[in-house]
Amino acid sequence: MRYAILTLLLGLLWGDSYAGGPWAKKKGEGYVQFAAYAIPPINRLSINAYRTKFLNRSIFDATAELYAEYGLTKRFTLSASLPLKIVSSGQEVQTVDPNQLGTNAFGPPSMVLDAGTLVDLGNARLGGKYNFFSKTIHLAAHALISAPTAIQAYNPNTGLRTAYPCWGFQPSLSIGYGKEKMYTYLESGMNFRTHDYSHQWVANFEIGWRVGKRTYLAVALDAIVCLPGQSDIPNSTQEVQTGLYVNNQNFVAFTLKAIVPVSDYVGMNFSLSGGLWANNVQQGPNIGVGVYYKWKKKKKSSAVE
């Protein structure tokens, strides 16, 4: 049986969607967001595009993330994010109906890992964006550093992880166009990783429209492809039963977003992500909600004689 692939948008691989595009903050302006994302418990991985790998236990993955950006100059914006993750494997060992298996589906591994819950930091990130052209078309260069900031040691008895155990260095370029009622941008780059993890080509396309006076609705298409790609996760590894932060995770994913300002400074973001193609990634919808606050530099009032 062929399962619809609804995959996690791997935020830790690609930059935050709200930081995307070539537009820089003005000097002294800033933005802070607290967001939560979750993938409901599911016992399946997508491997090699449209195939399914069943797991012995259902895996739950949730993230609470603090993100901020600040305009250091009129063209350069600094950004940082710190995620706190909760991942768990279910107490019940899942059984698979043989009728569900076939050429596109594979049964769970013979080795059953322990159930468990892990609360730890994800990969903290520090980034910079320089807008070097700002006319009708906007162009910018980006740099993002991802650090292996998980605190707890990896437990092979559960196979649970909250972060990649490697550094990532991601340069990219973006081009965008925007006017009062719509915007669109394309961003692409490479994520170079340490500790024998595959390097990644990353890309993001987004287009959004203003609906009503303030609300924006957007559609995004994200892609990550490991270069060079490695073989599928072998059954002998613990990670095959979780799909959490393993090597050679690829995807092409589709996201619907809504940005709903409450005032000039406070608002909410909503997102729902689904995958079109994936490898070594959990099958399951990624649902997100966030609250943000932004501020602008106060204009100096002129003296009236």
C-alpha atoms as a PDB file:
ATOM      1  CA  MET A   1       0.000   0.000   0.000  1.00  0.00           C
ATOM      2  CA  ARG A   2       1.291   3.420  -0.874  1.00  0.00           C
ATOM      3  CA  TYR A   3       1.189   6.001   1.924  1.00  0.00           C
ATOM      4  CA  ALA A   4       0.858   9.702   1.313  1.00  0.00           C
ATOM      5  CA  ILE A   5       4.087  11.367   2.335  1.00  0.00           C
ATOM      6  CA  LEU A   6       3.635  14.193   4.783  1.00  0.00           C
ATOM      7  CA  THR A   7       7.137  15.040   5.894  1.00  0.00           C
ATOM      8  CA  LEU A   8       8.860  17.208   8.431  1.00  0.00           C
ATOM      9  CA  LEU A   9      10.329  20.439   7.132  1.00  0.00           C
ATOM     10  CA  LEU A  10      13.793  20.082   8.602  1.00  0.00           C
ATOM     11  CA  GLY A  11      14.233  23.543  10.076  1.00  0.00           C
ATOM     12  CA  LEU A  12      17.521  22.599  11.526  1.00  0.00           C
ATOM     13  CA  LEU A  13      18.891  21.967   8.071  1.00  0.00           C
ATOM     14  CA  TRP A  14      17.408  24.957   6.361  1.00  0.00           C
ATOM     15  CA  GLY A  15      17.037  28.448   7.828  1.00  0.00           C
ATOM     16  CA  ASP A  16      13.843  29.629   9.476  1.00  0.00           C
ATOM     17  CA  SER A  17      11.154  30.460   6.956  1.00  0.00           C
ATOM     18  CA  TYR A  18      10.487  33.811   8.611  1.00  0.00           C
ATOM     19  CA  ALA A  19      14.167  34.741   8.055  1.00  0.00           C
ATOM     20  CA  GLY A  20      14.070  33.902   4.355  1.00  0.00           C
ATOM     21  CA  GLY A  21      14.417  36.215   1.409  1.00  0.00           C
ATOM     22  CA  PRO A  22      16.791  39.082   0.587  1.00  0.00           C
ATOM     23  CA  TRP A  23      15.132  41.804   2.695  1.00  0.00           C
ATOM     24  CA  ALA A  24      17.241  43.167   5.564  1.00  0.00           C
ATOM     25  CA  LYS A  25      16.087  44.905   8.715  1.00  0.00           C
ATOM     26  CA  LYS A  26      16.807  48.608   8.945  1.00  0.00           C
ATOM     27  CA  LYS A  27      19.464  49.650  11.439  1.00  0.00           C
ATOM     28  CA  GLY A  28      18.109  49.373  14.968  1.00  0.00           C
ATOM     29  CA  GLU A  29      15.017  47.405  13.982  1.00  0.00           C
ATOM     30  CA  GLY A  30      14.374  43.881  15.226  1.00  0.00           C
ATOM     31  CA  TYR A  31      12.094  40.880  15.364  1.00  0.00           C
ATOM     32  CA  VAL A  32      11.592  38.181  18.020  1.00  0.00           C
ATOM     33  CA  GLN A  33       9.464  35.064  17.665  1.00  0.00           C
ATOM     34  CA  PHE A  34       8.578  32.160  19.908  1.00  0.00           C
ATOM     35  CA  ALA A  35       7.182  29.227  17.914  1.00  0.00           C
ATOM     36  CA  ALA A  36       6.166  25.622  18.510  1.00  0.00           C
ATOM     37  CA  TYR A  37       6.167  22.828  15.921  1.00  0.00           C
ATOM     38  CA  ALA A  38       5.012  19.220  16.253  1.00  0.00           C
ATOM     39  CA  ILE A  39       4.832  15.982  14.290  1.00  0.00           C
ATOM     40  CA  PRO A  40       2.187  13.664  15.794  1.00  0.00           C
ATOM     41  CA  PRO A  41       3.312  10.128  16.778  1.00  0.00           C
ATOM     42  CA  ILE A  42       3.895   7.959  13.707  1.00  0.00           C
ATOM     43  CA  ASN A  43       5.696   4.665  13.057  1.00  0.00           C
ATOM     44  CA  ARG A  44       6.836   5.158   9.450  1.00  0.00           C
ATOM     45  CA  LEU A  45       9.782   6.628   7.581  1.00  0.00           C
ATOM     46  CA  SER A  46       9.907   7.648   3.956  1.00  0.00           C
ATOM     47  CA  ILE A  47      12.933   6.133   2.217  1.00  0.00           C
ATOM     48  CA  ASN A  48      14.075   6.595  -1.363  1.00  0.00           C
ATOM     49  CA  ALA A  49      11.228   8.868  -2.368  1.00  0.00           C
ATOM     50  CA  TYR A  50       7.976   6.926  -2.305  1.00  0.00           C
ATOM     51  CA  ARG A  51       8.872   3.866  -0.247  1.00  0.00           C
ATOM     52  CA  THR A  52       7.852   3.296   3.369  1.00  0.00           C
ATOM     53  CA  LYS A  53       9.886   1.851   6.227  1.00  0.00           C
ATOM     54  CA  PHE A  54       7.783   0.746   9.214  1.00  0.00           C
ATOM     55  CA  LEU A  55       9.146   1.294  12.729  1.00  0.00           C
ATOM     56  CA  ASN A  56       8.729  -0.768  15.881  1.00  0.00           C
ATOM     57  CA  ARG A  57       7.593   2.239  17.891  1.00  0.00           C
ATOM     58  CA  SER A  58       5.748   5.450  17.070  1.00  0.00           C
ATOM     59  CA  ILE A  59       7.991   8.530  17.189  1.00  0.00           C
ATOM     60  CA  PHE A  60       6.815  11.912  18.484  1.00  0.00           C
ATOM     61  CA  ASP A  61       8.800  15.059  17.658  1.00  0.00           C
ATOM     62  CA  ALA A  62       8.085  18.551  19.032  1.00  0.00           C
ATOM     63  CA  THR A  63      10.086  21.777  19.040  1.00  0.00           C
ATOM     64  CA  ALA A  64       9.824  25.061  20.948  1.00  0.00           C
ATOM     65  CA  GLU A  65      12.082  27.658  19.367  1.00  0.00           C
ATOM     66  CA  LEU A  66      13.145  31.195  20.159  1.00  0.00           C
ATOM     67  CA  TYR A  67      14.270  33.187  17.128  1.00  0.00           C
ATOM     68  CA  ALA A  68      15.497  36.778  16.847  1.00  0.00           C
ATOM     69  CA  GLU A  69      16.938  39.091  14.209  1.00  0.00           C
ATOM     70  CA  TYR A  70      18.364  42.588  14.464  1.00  0.00           C
ATOM     71  CA  GLY A  71      19.479  45.192  11.937  1.00  0.00           C
ATOM     72  CA  LEU A  72      23.097  46.064  12.693  1.00  0.00           C
ATOM     73  CA  THR A  73      23.307  48.378   9.685  1.00  0.00           C
ATOM     74  CA  LYS A  74      20.867  49.393   6.977  1.00  0.00           C
ATOM     75  CA  ARG A  75      22.030  46.419   4.883  1.00  0.00           C
ATOM     76  CA  PHE A  76      23.244  43.795   7.386  1.00  0.00           C
ATOM     77  CA  THR A  77      20.918  41.745   9.619  1.00  0.00           C
ATOM     78  CA  LEU A  78      22.079  39.386  12.340  1.00  0.00           C
ATOM     79  CA  SER A  79      19.894  36.419  13.352  1.00  0.00           C
ATOM     80  CA  ALA A  80      19.995  33.684  16.007  1.00  0.00           C
ATOM     81  CA  SER A  81      17.794  30.784  17.066  1.00  0.00           C
ATOM     82  CA  LEU A  82      17.728  28.338  19.964  1.00  0.00           C
ATOM     83  CA  PRO A  83      15.408  25.298  19.810  1.00  0.00           C
ATOM     84  CA  LEU A  84      14.320  23.106  22.710  1.00  0.00           C
ATOM     85  CA  LYS A  85      13.110  19.693  21.567  1.00  0.00           C
ATOM     86  CA  ILE A  86      11.012  16.884  23.018  1.00  0.00           C
ATOM     87  CA  VAL A  87      11.215  13.534  21.233  1.00  0.00           C
ATOM     88  CA  SER A  88       9.830  10.192  22.379  1.00  0.00           C
ATOM     89  CA  SER A  89       9.265   6.627  21.253  1.00  0.00           C
ATOM     90  CA  GLY A  90       5.955   4.995  22.214  1.00  0.00           C
ATOM     91  CA  GLN A  91       5.562   2.319  24.867  1.00  0.00           C
ATOM     92  CA  GLU A  92       3.635   0.018  22.531  1.00  0.00           C
ATOM     93  CA  VAL A  93       5.544  -2.109  20.019  1.00  0.00           C
ATOM     94  CA  GLN A  94       3.728  -1.660  16.729  1.00  0.00           C
ATOM     95  CA  THR A  95       2.552  -4.632  14.660  1.00  0.00           C
ATOM     96  CA  VAL A  96       2.366  -4.432  10.885  1.00  0.00           C
ATOM     97  CA  ASP A  97      -0.297  -6.077   8.760  1.00  0.00           C
ATOM     98  CA  PRO A  98       1.524  -8.144   6.100  1.00  0.00           C
ATOM     99  CA  ASN A  99      -1.010  -6.843   3.583  1.00  0.00           C
ATOM    100  CA  GLN A 100       0.512  -3.404   4.028  1.00  0.00           C
ATOM    101  CA  LEU A 101       3.895  -4.605   2.835  1.00  0.00           C
ATOM    102  CA  GLY A 102       4.966  -4.886  -0.779  1.00  0.00           C
ATOM    103  CA  THR A 103       7.438  -3.482  -3.252  1.00  0.00           C
ATOM    104  CA  ASN A 104       7.058   0.003  -1.748  1.00  0.00           C
ATOM    105  CA  ALA A 105       6.876  -0.896   1.957  1.00  0.00           C
ATOM    106  CA  PHE A 106       9.243  -2.690   4.324  1.00  0.00           C
ATOM    107  CA  GLY A 107       8.651  -4.222   7.728  1.00  0.00           C
ATOM    108  CA  PRO A 108      10.221  -2.977  10.987  1.00  0.00           C
ATOM    109  CA  PRO A 109      13.738  -3.976  12.103  1.00  0.00           C
ATOM    110  CA  SER A 110      14.151  -7.222  14.026  1.00  0.00           C
ATOM    111  CA  MET A 111      15.860  -5.447  16.937  1.00  0.00           C
ATOM    112  CA  VAL A 112      13.451  -3.557  19.203  1.00  0.00           C
ATOM    113  CA  LEU A 113      14.864  -0.553  21.038  1.00  0.00           C
ATOM    114  CA  ASP A 114      13.704   0.720  24.411  1.00  0.00           C
ATOM    115  CA  ALA A 115      10.858   3.203  24.690  1.00  0.00           C
ATOM    116  CA  GLY A 116      11.894   6.578  26.026  1.00  0.00           C
ATOM    117  CA  THR A 117      11.608  10.366  26.106  1.00  0.00           C
ATOM    118  CA  LEU A 118      14.376  12.892  25.526  1.00  0.00           C
ATOM    119  CA  VAL A 119      14.236  16.618  26.278  1.00  0.00           C
ATOM    120  CA  ASP A 120      17.288  18.522  25.072  1.00  0.00           C
ATOM    121  CA  LEU A 121      18.495  21.394  22.934  1.00  0.00           C
ATOM    122  CA  GLY A 122      18.436  21.195  19.164  1.00  0.00           C
ATOM    123  CA  ASN A 123      21.046  22.763  16.881  1.00  0.00           C
ATOM    124  CA  ALA A 124      21.523  26.420  17.821  1.00  0.00           C
ATOM    125  CA  ARG A 125      22.127  28.715  14.851  1.00  0.00           C
ATOM    126  CA  LEU A 126      23.723  32.076  14.192  1.00  0.00           C
ATOM    127  CA  GLY A 127      23.262  33.795  10.858  1.00  0.00           C
ATOM    128  CA  GLY A 128      23.901  36.960   8.910  1.00  0.00           C
ATOM    129  CA  LYS A 129      22.273  38.498   5.839  1.00  0.00           C
ATOM    130  CA  TYR A 130      23.739  41.271   3.673  1.00  0.00           C
ATOM    131  CA  ASN A 131      21.467  43.008   1.179  1.00  0.00           C
ATOM    132  CA  PHE A 132      23.755  44.279  -1.583  1.00  0.00           C
ATOM    133  CA  PHE A 133      21.094  45.359  -4.095  1.00  0.00           C
ATOM    134  CA  SER A 134      17.748  46.924  -3.204  1.00  0.00           C
ATOM    135  CA  LYS A 135      15.767  48.317  -6.089  1.00  0.00           C
ATOM    136  CA  THR A 136      12.759  46.722  -7.790  1.00  0.00           C
ATOM    137  CA  ILE A 137      14.650  43.443  -7.401  1.00  0.00           C
ATOM    138  CA  HIS A 138      16.419  42.666  -4.125  1.00  0.00           C
ATOM    139  CA  LEU A 139      19.596  40.560  -3.826  1.00  0.00           C
ATOM    140  CA  ALA A 140      21.283  39.304  -0.660  1.00  0.00           C
ATOM    141  CA  ALA A 141      24.048  37.008   0.545  1.00  0.00           C
ATOM    142  CA  HIS A 142      23.463  34.807   3.589  1.00  0.00           C
ATOM    143  CA  ALA A 143      25.658  32.856   5.993  1.00  0.00           C
ATOM    144  CA  LEU A 144      24.375  30.443   8.648  1.00  0.00           C
ATOM    145  CA  ILE A 145      26.307  28.462  11.258  1.00  0.00           C
ATOM    146  CA  SER A 146      24.647  25.506  12.990  1.00  0.00           C
ATOM    147  CA  ALA A 147      26.224  24.135  16.184  1.00  0.00           C
ATOM    148  CA  PRO A 148      25.912  20.683  17.847  1.00  0.00           C
ATOM    149  CA  THR A 149      24.436  22.096  21.044  1.00  0.00           C
ATOM    150  CA  ALA A 150      22.625  19.032  22.410  1.00  0.00           C
ATOM    151  CA  ILE A 151      23.715  18.550  26.036  1.00  0.00           C
ATOM    152  CA  GLN A 152      22.910  14.912  26.800  1.00  0.00           C
ATOM    153  CA  ALA A 153      24.979  12.014  25.490  1.00  0.00           C
ATOM    154  CA  TYR A 154      23.439   9.815  22.796  1.00  0.00           C
ATOM    155  CA  ASN A 155      21.697   6.730  24.197  1.00  0.00           C
ATOM    156  CA  PRO A 156      21.898   3.794  21.733  1.00  0.00           C
ATOM    157  CA  ASN A 157      19.242   1.910  23.730  1.00  0.00           C
ATOM    158  CA  THR A 158      16.541   4.321  22.548  1.00  0.00           C
ATOM    159  CA  GLY A 159      18.108   5.826  19.392  1.00  0.00           C
ATOM    160  CA  LEU A 160      16.605   9.231  20.234  1.00  0.00           C
ATOM    161  CA  ARG A 161      18.327  12.448  19.165  1.00  0.00           C
ATOM    162  CA  THR A 162      17.384  16.135  19.297  1.00  0.00           C
ATOM    163  CA  ALA A 163      20.185  17.542  17.119  1.00  0.00           C
ATOM    164  CA  TYR A 164      22.742  16.655  14.491  1.00  0.00           C
ATOM    165  CA  PRO A 165      26.108  15.864  16.156  1.00  0.00           C
ATOM    166  CA  CYS A 166      27.984  18.014  13.649  1.00  0.00           C
ATOM    167  CA  TRP A 167      28.662  21.597  12.652  1.00  0.00           C
ATOM    168  CA  GLY A 168      27.005  23.141   9.617  1.00  0.00           C
ATOM    169  CA  PHE A 169      28.250  26.104   7.543  1.00  0.00           C
ATOM    170  CA  GLN A 170      25.690  27.339   5.022  1.00  0.00           C
ATOM    171  CA  PRO A 171      26.360  30.153   2.530  1.00  0.00           C
ATOM    172  CA  SER A 172      23.493  31.061   0.190  1.00  0.00           C
ATOM    173  CA  LEU A 173      22.152  33.727  -2.171  1.00  0.00           C
ATOM    174  CA  SER A 174      18.614  35.012  -2.518  1.00  0.00           C
ATOM    175  CA  ILE A 175      16.682  37.112  -4.991  1.00  0.00           C
ATOM    176  CA  GLY A 176      13.275  38.609  -4.323  1.00  0.00           C
ATOM    177  CA  TYR A 177      10.595  41.001  -5.449  1.00  0.00           C
ATOM    178  CA  GLY A 178       7.918  42.640  -3.372  1.00  0.00           C
ATOM    179  CA  LYS A 179       5.253  45.285  -3.515  1.00  0.00           C
ATOM    180  CA  GLU A 180       2.343  46.315  -1.314  1.00  0.00           C
ATOM    181  CA  LYS A 181       0.127  43.264  -1.830  1.00  0.00           C
ATOM    182  CA  MET A 182       2.538  40.461  -2.740  1.00  0.00           C
ATOM    183  CA  TYR A 183       6.098  39.224  -2.442  1.00  0.00           C
ATOM    184  CA  THR A 184       8.165  36.353  -3.782  1.00  0.00           C
ATOM    185  CA  TYR A 185      11.732  35.127  -3.409  1.00  0.00           C
ATOM    186  CA  LEU A 186      14.083  32.298  -4.293  1.00  0.00           C
ATOM    187  CA  GLU A 187      16.999  31.254  -2.086  1.00  0.00           C
ATOM    188  CA  SER A 188      19.649  28.600  -2.734  1.00  0.00           C
ATOM    189  CA  GLY A 189      22.957  27.523  -1.239  1.00  0.00           C
ATOM    190  CA  MET A 190      25.084  24.728   0.210  1.00  0.00           C
ATOM    191  CA  ASN A 191      25.272  23.433   3.769  1.00  0.00           C
ATOM    192  CA  PHE A 192      28.763  22.063   4.462  1.00  0.00           C
ATOM    193  CA  ARG A 193      28.790  19.670   7.439  1.00  0.00           C
ATOM    194  CA  THR A 194      31.495  18.099   9.596  1.00  0.00           C
ATOM    195  CA  HIS A 195      31.859  14.629  11.201  1.00  0.00           C
ATOM    196  CA  ASP A 196      31.353  12.740   7.902  1.00  0.00           C
ATOM    197  CA  TYR A 197      27.799  14.021   7.439  1.00  0.00           C
ATOM    198  CA  SER A 198      26.832  14.576   3.800  1.00  0.00           C
ATOM    199  CA  HIS A 199      26.909  18.137   2.508  1.00  0.00           C
ATOM    200  CA  GLN A 200      23.551  19.457   1.348  1.00  0.00           C
ATOM    201  CA  TRP A 201      22.147  21.544  -1.465  1.00  0.00           C
ATOM    202  CA  VAL A 202      19.331  23.643  -0.015  1.00  0.00           C
ATOM    203  CA  ALA A 203      16.702  25.729  -1.787  1.00  0.00           C
ATOM    204  CA  ASN A 204      13.538  27.610  -0.896  1.00  0.00           C
ATOM    205  CA  PHE A 205      10.913  29.323  -3.035  1.00  0.00           C
ATOM    206  CA  GLU A 206       8.086  31.322  -1.488  1.00  0.00           C
ATOM    207  CA  ILE A 207       5.279  33.520  -2.727  1.00  0.00           C
ATOM    208  CA  GLY A 208       2.784  35.389  -0.573  1.00  0.00           C
ATOM    209  CA  TRP A 209      -0.238  37.652  -0.966  1.00  0.00           C
ATOM    210  CA  ARG A 210      -1.876  40.153   1.341  1.00  0.00           C
ATOM    211  CA  VAL A 211      -5.449  39.248   2.228  1.00  0.00           C
ATOM    212  CA  GLY A 212      -7.458  42.064   3.746  1.00  0.00           C
ATOM    213  CA  LYS A 213      -5.671  44.918   5.481  1.00  0.00           C
ATOM    214  CA  ARG A 214      -2.885  43.014   7.248  1.00  0.00           C
ATOM    215  CA  THR A 215      -2.982  39.225   6.853  1.00  0.00           C
ATOM    216  CA  TYR A 216      -0.624  37.484   4.455  1.00  0.00           C
ATOM    217  CA  LEU A 217      -1.067  33.985   3.043  1.00  0.00           C
ATOM    218  CA  ALA A 218       1.960  32.257   1.536  1.00  0.00           C
ATOM    219  CA  VAL A 219       2.966  29.069  -0.253  1.00  0.00           C
ATOM    220  CA  ALA A 220       6.519  27.734   0.041  1.00  0.00           C
ATOM    221  CA  LEU A 221       8.462  24.945  -1.622  1.00  0.00           C
ATOM    222  CA  ASP A 222      11.601  23.728   0.195  1.00  0.00           C
ATOM    223  CA  ALA A 223      14.217  21.217  -0.928  1.00  0.00           C
ATOM    224  CA  ILE A 224      17.244  19.551   0.668  1.00  0.00           C
ATOM    225  CA  VAL A 225      19.390  17.063  -1.258  1.00  0.00           C
ATOM    226  CA  CYS A 226      22.509  15.452   0.224  1.00  0.00           C
ATOM    227  CA  LEU A 227      25.627  15.600  -1.976  1.00  0.00           C
ATOM    228  CA  PRO A 228      26.976  13.065  -2.353  1.00  0.00           C
ATOM    229  CA  GLY A 229      24.054  10.959  -1.236  1.00  0.00           C
ATOM    230  CA  GLN A 230      24.704   7.925   0.915  1.00  0.00           C
ATOM    231  CA  SER A 231      22.850   4.596   0.990  1.00  0.00           C
ATOM    232  CA  ASP A 232      19.707   4.074   3.036  1.00  0.00           C
ATOM    233  CA  ILE A 233      19.997   3.722   6.793  1.00  0.00           C
ATOM    234  CA  PRO A 234      21.072   0.112   7.429  1.00  0.00           C
ATOM    235  CA  ASN A 235      18.888  -2.063   9.647  1.00  0.00           C
ATOM    236  CA  SER A 236      21.827  -2.611  12.004  1.00  0.00           C
ATOM    237  CA  THR A 237      21.762   0.975  13.281  1.00  0.00           C
ATOM    238  CA  GLN A 238      19.593   2.243  16.100  1.00  0.00           C
ATOM    239  CA  GLU A 239      18.551   5.317  14.138  1.00  0.00           C
ATOM    240  CA  VAL A 240      16.536   3.238  11.679  1.00  0.00           C
ATOM    241  CA  GLN A 241      13.875   2.993  14.369  1.00  0.00           C
ATOM    242  CA  THR A 242      13.576   6.747  14.903  1.00  0.00           C
ATOM    243  CA  GLY A 243      14.657   8.654  11.774  1.00  0.00           C
ATOM    244  CA  LEU A 244      15.810  11.468  14.081  1.00  0.00           C
ATOM    245  CA  TYR A 245      18.778  13.520  12.851  1.00  0.00           C
ATOM    246  CA  VAL A 246      20.434  10.835  10.761  1.00  0.00           C
ATOM    247  CA  ASN A 247      22.610  11.263   7.692  1.00  0.00           C
ATOM    248  CA  ASN A 248      21.265  11.426   4.130  1.00  0.00           C
ATOM    249  CA  GLN A 249      17.913  13.014   4.949  1.00  0.00           C
ATOM    250  CA  ASN A 250      16.464  14.488   1.752  1.00  0.00           C
ATOM    251  CA  PHE A 251      13.106  16.050   0.996  1.00  0.00           C
ATOM    252  CA  VAL A 252      11.026  18.286  -1.224  1.00  0.00           C
ATOM    253  CA  ALA A 253       8.247  19.783   0.890  1.00  0.00           C
ATOM    254  CA  PHE A 254       5.235  22.032   0.437  1.00  0.00           C
ATOM    255  CA  THR A 255       4.131  24.512   3.122  1.00  0.00           C
ATOM    256  CA  LEU A 256       1.074  26.704   3.631  1.00  0.00           C
ATOM    257  CA  LYS A 257       1.607  29.750   5.859  1.00  0.00           C
ATOM    258  CA  ALA A 258      -0.485  32.508   7.387  1.00  0.00           C
ATOM    259  CA  ILE A 259       0.912  35.689   8.963  1.00  0.00           C
ATOM    260  CA  VAL A 260      -1.731  37.410  11.063  1.00  0.00           C
ATOM    261  CA  PRO A 261      -0.706  40.748  12.659  1.00  0.00           C
ATOM    262  CA  VAL A 262      -2.633  41.737  15.768  1.00  0.00           C
ATOM    263  CA  SER A 263      -1.090  45.217  15.821  1.00  0.00           C
ATOM    264  CA  ASP A 264       1.802  47.056  14.217  1.00  0.00           C
ATOM    265  CA  TYR A 265       4.172  45.215  16.562  1.00  0.00           C
ATOM    266  CA  VAL A 266       2.603  41.876  17.563  1.00  0.00           C
ATOM    267  CA  GLY A 267       1.231  39.025  15.467  1.00  0.00           C
ATOM    268  CA  MET A 268       0.939  35.291  14.936  1.00  0.00           C
ATOM    269  CA  ASN A 269       2.266  32.819  12.351  1.00  0.00           C
ATOM    270  CA  PHE A 270       0.675  29.506  11.376  1.00  0.00           C
ATOM    271  CA  SER A 271       2.083  26.787   9.119  1.00  0.00           C
ATOM    272  CA  LEU A 272       1.216  23.324   7.809  1.00  0.00           C
ATOM    273  CA  SER A 273       3.841  21.322   5.904  1.00  0.00           C
ATOM    274  CA  GLY A 274       3.525  18.306   3.643  1.00  0.00           C
ATOM    275  CA  GLY A 275       6.113  16.412   1.620  1.00  0.00           C
ATOM    276  CA  LEU A 276       6.219  15.681  -2.095  1.00  0.00           C
ATOM    277  CA  TRP A 277       9.370  13.501  -1.918  1.00  0.00           C
ATOM    278  CA  ALA A 278      11.565  12.330   0.961  1.00  0.00           C
ATOM    279  CA  ASN A 279      14.275   9.957   2.133  1.00  0.00           C
ATOM    280  CA  ASN A 280      15.029   8.883   5.733  1.00  0.00           C
ATOM    281  CA  VAL A 281      12.395  11.289   7.070  1.00  0.00           C
ATOM    282  CA  GLN A 282       9.398  10.677   9.311  1.00  0.00           C
ATOM    283  CA  GLN A 283       6.028  10.517   7.592  1.00  0.00           C
ATOM    284  CA  GLY A 284       3.707  12.904   9.359  1.00  0.00           C
ATOM    285  CA  PRO A 285       2.326  16.452   9.113  1.00  0.00           C
ATOM    286  CA  ASN A 286       4.364  19.266  10.608  1.00  0.00           C
ATOM    287  CA  ILE A 287       2.094  21.788  12.320  1.00  0.00           C
ATOM    288  CA  GLY A 288       3.457  25.114  13.568  1.00  0.00           C
ATOM    289  CA  VAL A 289       2.217  28.183  15.445  1.00  0.00           C
ATOM    290  CA  GLY A 290       4.216  31.197  16.569  1.00  0.00           C
ATOM    291  CA  VAL A 291       3.878  34.574  18.272  1.00  0.00           C
ATOM    292  CA  TYR A 292       6.134  37.435  17.230  1.00  0.00           C
ATOM    293  CA  TYR A 293       7.057  40.943  18.312  1.00  0.00           C
ATOM    294  CA  LYS A 294       8.826  43.435  16.075  1.00  0.00           C
ATOM    295  CA  TRP A 295      10.048  46.931  16.676  1.00  0.00           C
ATOM    296  CA  LYS A 296      11.143  49.841  14.554  1.00  0.00           C
ATOM    297  CA  LYS A 297      13.649  52.557  15.275  1.00  0.00           C
ATOM    298  CA  LYS A 298      11.908  55.682  16.498  1.00  0.00           C
ATOM    299  CA  LYS A 299      12.106  58.622  14.154  1.00  0.00           C
ATOM    300  CA  LYS A 300      13.657  61.766  15.514  1.00  0.00           C
ATOM    301  CA  SER A 301      11.113  64.535  15.761  1.00  0.00           C
ATOM    302  CA  SER A 302      12.186  67.859  14.326  1.00  0.00           C
ATOM    303  CA  ALA A 303      12.005  70.998  16.438  1.00  0.00           C
ATOM    304  CA  VAL A 304       9.227  73.427  15.601  1.00  0.00           C
ATOM    305  CA  GLU A 305      10.142  77.069  15.913  1.00  0.00           C
END
